Amino acid sequence: MIANAVFVATLIFLALGIWLAGELRFLIPWRNLIVHEYWRPIAAYCALLFVNILGLTIWIERKFFLRDAGRKLKHLDQEIHSGHSELSEEITAQFGEE
């Protein structure tokens, strides 16, 4: 889940960067001055923006893709403890009766 969130956040971040580069074309004559003087605040802002986008994508993934995970795990647990599954014999042999 984290790898997918990092991938999606990277895509969103790059898309925002490309769009912003197109919108700020009028600053090209001062590019060297801006990068030389303000690279630290720009880098800090970009890092914070990426972390926020990453947090948002993790939240969205948890909200929409892990919605039924608890119900599915409860169903699997009931199936294992009932003894009607092939997995129940393996799990009982490995972990014992709890």
C-alpha atoms as a PDB file:
ATOM      1  CA  MET A   1       0.000   0.000   0.000  1.00  0.00           C
ATOM      2  CA  ILE A   2       2.825   2.405   0.821  1.00  0.00           C
ATOM      3  CA  ALA A   3       4.573   1.715  -2.492  1.00  0.00           C
ATOM      4  CA  ASN A   4       1.380   2.469  -4.407  1.00  0.00           C
ATOM      5  CA  ALA A   5       0.858   5.660  -2.417  1.00  0.00           C
ATOM      6  CA  VAL A   6       4.440   6.806  -3.094  1.00  0.00           C
ATOM      7  CA  PHE A   7       3.983   6.082  -6.799  1.00  0.00           C
ATOM      8  CA  VAL A   8       0.697   8.003  -7.007  1.00  0.00           C
ATOM      9  CA  ALA A   9       2.081  10.882  -4.917  1.00  0.00           C
ATOM     10  CA  THR A  10       5.131  11.090  -7.194  1.00  0.00           C
ATOM     11  CA  LEU A  11       2.936  11.228 -10.279  1.00  0.00           C
ATOM     12  CA  ILE A  12       0.766  13.966  -8.777  1.00  0.00           C
ATOM     13  CA  PHE A  13       3.842  15.910  -7.622  1.00  0.00           C
ATOM     14  CA  LEU A  14       5.465  15.708 -11.060  1.00  0.00           C
ATOM     15  CA  ALA A  15       2.220  16.729 -12.762  1.00  0.00           C
ATOM     16  CA  LEU A  16       1.973  19.761 -10.457  1.00  0.00           C
ATOM     17  CA  GLY A  17       5.617  20.630 -11.160  1.00  0.00           C
ATOM     18  CA  ILE A  18       5.160  20.443 -14.914  1.00  0.00           C
ATOM     19  CA  TRP A  19       1.989  22.516 -14.772  1.00  0.00           C
ATOM     20  CA  LEU A  20       3.666  25.092 -12.507  1.00  0.00           C
ATOM     21  CA  ALA A  21       6.687  25.311 -14.816  1.00  0.00           C
ATOM     22  CA  GLY A  22       4.346  26.166 -17.663  1.00  0.00           C
ATOM     23  CA  GLU A  23       2.516  28.794 -15.633  1.00  0.00           C
ATOM     24  CA  LEU A  24       5.704  30.491 -14.363  1.00  0.00           C
ATOM     25  CA  ARG A  25       7.385  30.834 -17.749  1.00  0.00           C
ATOM     26  CA  PHE A  26       7.612  34.599 -17.261  1.00  0.00           C
ATOM     27  CA  LEU A  27      10.222  34.047 -14.486  1.00  0.00           C
ATOM     28  CA  ILE A  28      12.773  32.448 -16.846  1.00  0.00           C
ATOM     29  CA  PRO A  29      14.972  35.589 -17.079  1.00  0.00           C
ATOM     30  CA  TRP A  30      15.451  35.500 -13.281  1.00  0.00           C
ATOM     31  CA  ARG A  31      15.818  31.711 -12.991  1.00  0.00           C
ATOM     32  CA  ASN A  32      19.483  31.763 -11.877  1.00  0.00           C
ATOM     33  CA  LEU A  33      18.832  34.382  -9.208  1.00  0.00           C
ATOM     34  CA  ILE A  34      15.751  32.574  -7.876  1.00  0.00           C
ATOM     35  CA  VAL A  35      17.412  29.156  -7.764  1.00  0.00           C
ATOM     36  CA  HIS A  36      20.646  30.508  -6.252  1.00  0.00           C
ATOM     37  CA  GLU A  37      19.011  32.635  -3.530  1.00  0.00           C
ATOM     38  CA  TYR A  38      15.899  30.608  -2.684  1.00  0.00           C
ATOM     39  CA  TRP A  39      16.775  26.950  -3.277  1.00  0.00           C
ATOM     40  CA  ARG A  40      16.463  26.013   0.410  1.00  0.00           C
ATOM     41  CA  PRO A  41      12.937  27.380   0.923  1.00  0.00           C
ATOM     42  CA  ILE A  42      11.879  25.942  -2.434  1.00  0.00           C
ATOM     43  CA  ALA A  43      13.285  22.515  -1.499  1.00  0.00           C
ATOM     44  CA  ALA A  44      11.635  22.635   1.945  1.00  0.00           C
ATOM     45  CA  TYR A  45       8.297  23.610   0.424  1.00  0.00           C
ATOM     46  CA  CYS A  46       8.561  20.829  -2.173  1.00  0.00           C
ATOM     47  CA  ALA A  47       9.371  18.273   0.541  1.00  0.00           C
ATOM     48  CA  LEU A  48       6.410  19.387   2.651  1.00  0.00           C
ATOM     49  CA  LEU A  49       4.140  19.369  -0.378  1.00  0.00           C
ATOM     50  CA  PHE A  50       5.223  15.834  -1.279  1.00  0.00           C
ATOM     51  CA  VAL A  51       4.661  14.613   2.284  1.00  0.00           C
ATOM     52  CA  ASN A  52       1.176  16.151   2.294  1.00  0.00           C
ATOM     53  CA  ILE A  53       0.314  14.605  -1.076  1.00  0.00           C
ATOM     54  CA  LEU A  54       1.635  11.261   0.188  1.00  0.00           C
ATOM     55  CA  GLY A  55      -0.498  11.511   3.310  1.00  0.00           C
ATOM     56  CA  LEU A  56      -3.540  12.340   1.225  1.00  0.00           C
ATOM     57  CA  THR A  57      -2.997   9.380  -1.098  1.00  0.00           C
ATOM     58  CA  ILE A  58      -2.499   6.994   1.855  1.00  0.00           C
ATOM     59  CA  TRP A  59      -5.716   8.298   3.415  1.00  0.00           C
ATOM     60  CA  ILE A  60      -7.627   7.868   0.145  1.00  0.00           C
ATOM     61  CA  GLU A  61      -6.276   4.339  -0.322  1.00  0.00           C
ATOM     62  CA  ARG A  62      -7.216   3.365   3.223  1.00  0.00           C
ATOM     63  CA  LYS A  63     -10.642   4.961   2.918  1.00  0.00           C
ATOM     64  CA  PHE A  64     -11.646   3.393  -0.396  1.00  0.00           C
ATOM     65  CA  PHE A  65      -9.511   0.275  -0.875  1.00  0.00           C
ATOM     66  CA  LEU A  66      -9.404  -1.129   2.680  1.00  0.00           C
ATOM     67  CA  ARG A  67     -13.061  -0.538   3.439  1.00  0.00           C
ATOM     68  CA  ASP A  68     -14.050  -4.209   3.740  1.00  0.00           C
ATOM     69  CA  ALA A  69     -10.766  -5.553   5.105  1.00  0.00           C
ATOM     70  CA  GLY A  70     -12.071  -6.067   8.657  1.00  0.00           C
ATOM     71  CA  ARG A  71     -15.157  -7.911   7.480  1.00  0.00           C
ATOM     72  CA  LYS A  72     -13.095 -10.131   5.186  1.00  0.00           C
ATOM     73  CA  LEU A  73     -10.609 -10.946   7.937  1.00  0.00           C
ATOM     74  CA  LYS A  74     -13.428 -11.770  10.365  1.00  0.00           C
ATOM     75  CA  HIS A  75     -14.933 -14.129   7.785  1.00  0.00           C
ATOM     76  CA  LEU A  76     -11.535 -15.806   7.273  1.00  0.00           C
ATOM     77  CA  ASP A  77     -11.055 -16.168  11.028  1.00  0.00           C
ATOM     78  CA  GLN A  78     -14.469 -17.811  11.417  1.00  0.00           C
ATOM     79  CA  GLU A  79     -13.719 -20.151   8.526  1.00  0.00           C
ATOM     80  CA  ILE A  80     -10.376 -21.193  10.018  1.00  0.00           C
ATOM     81  CA  HIS A  81     -11.800 -21.825  13.492  1.00  0.00           C
ATOM     82  CA  SER A  82     -14.754 -23.811  12.128  1.00  0.00           C
ATOM     83  CA  GLY A  83     -12.408 -26.462  10.711  1.00  0.00           C
ATOM     84  CA  HIS A  84     -14.061 -26.565   7.289  1.00  0.00           C
ATOM     85  CA  SER A  85     -11.105 -25.075   5.462  1.00  0.00           C
ATOM     86  CA  GLU A  86      -7.863 -26.520   4.144  1.00  0.00           C
ATOM     87  CA  LEU A  87      -6.029 -23.686   5.859  1.00  0.00           C
ATOM     88  CA  SER A  88      -7.412 -24.566   9.301  1.00  0.00           C
ATOM     89  CA  GLU A  89      -5.357 -27.785   9.522  1.00  0.00           C
ATOM     90  CA  GLU A  90      -2.133 -25.999   8.534  1.00  0.00           C
ATOM     91  CA  ILE A  91      -2.720 -23.099  10.898  1.00  0.00           C
ATOM     92  CA  THR A  92      -3.647 -25.404  13.790  1.00  0.00           C
ATOM     93  CA  ALA A  93      -0.510 -27.473  13.175  1.00  0.00           C
ATOM     94  CA  GLN A  94       1.699 -24.384  13.058  1.00  0.00           C
ATOM     95  CA  PHE A  95       0.244 -22.257  15.856  1.00  0.00           C
ATOM     96  CA  GLY A  96      -1.595 -24.792  17.973  1.00  0.00           C
ATOM     97  CA  GLU A  97      -5.075 -24.493  19.386  1.00  0.00           C
ATOM     98  CA  GLU A  98      -5.708 -21.082  20.912  1.00  0.00           C
END
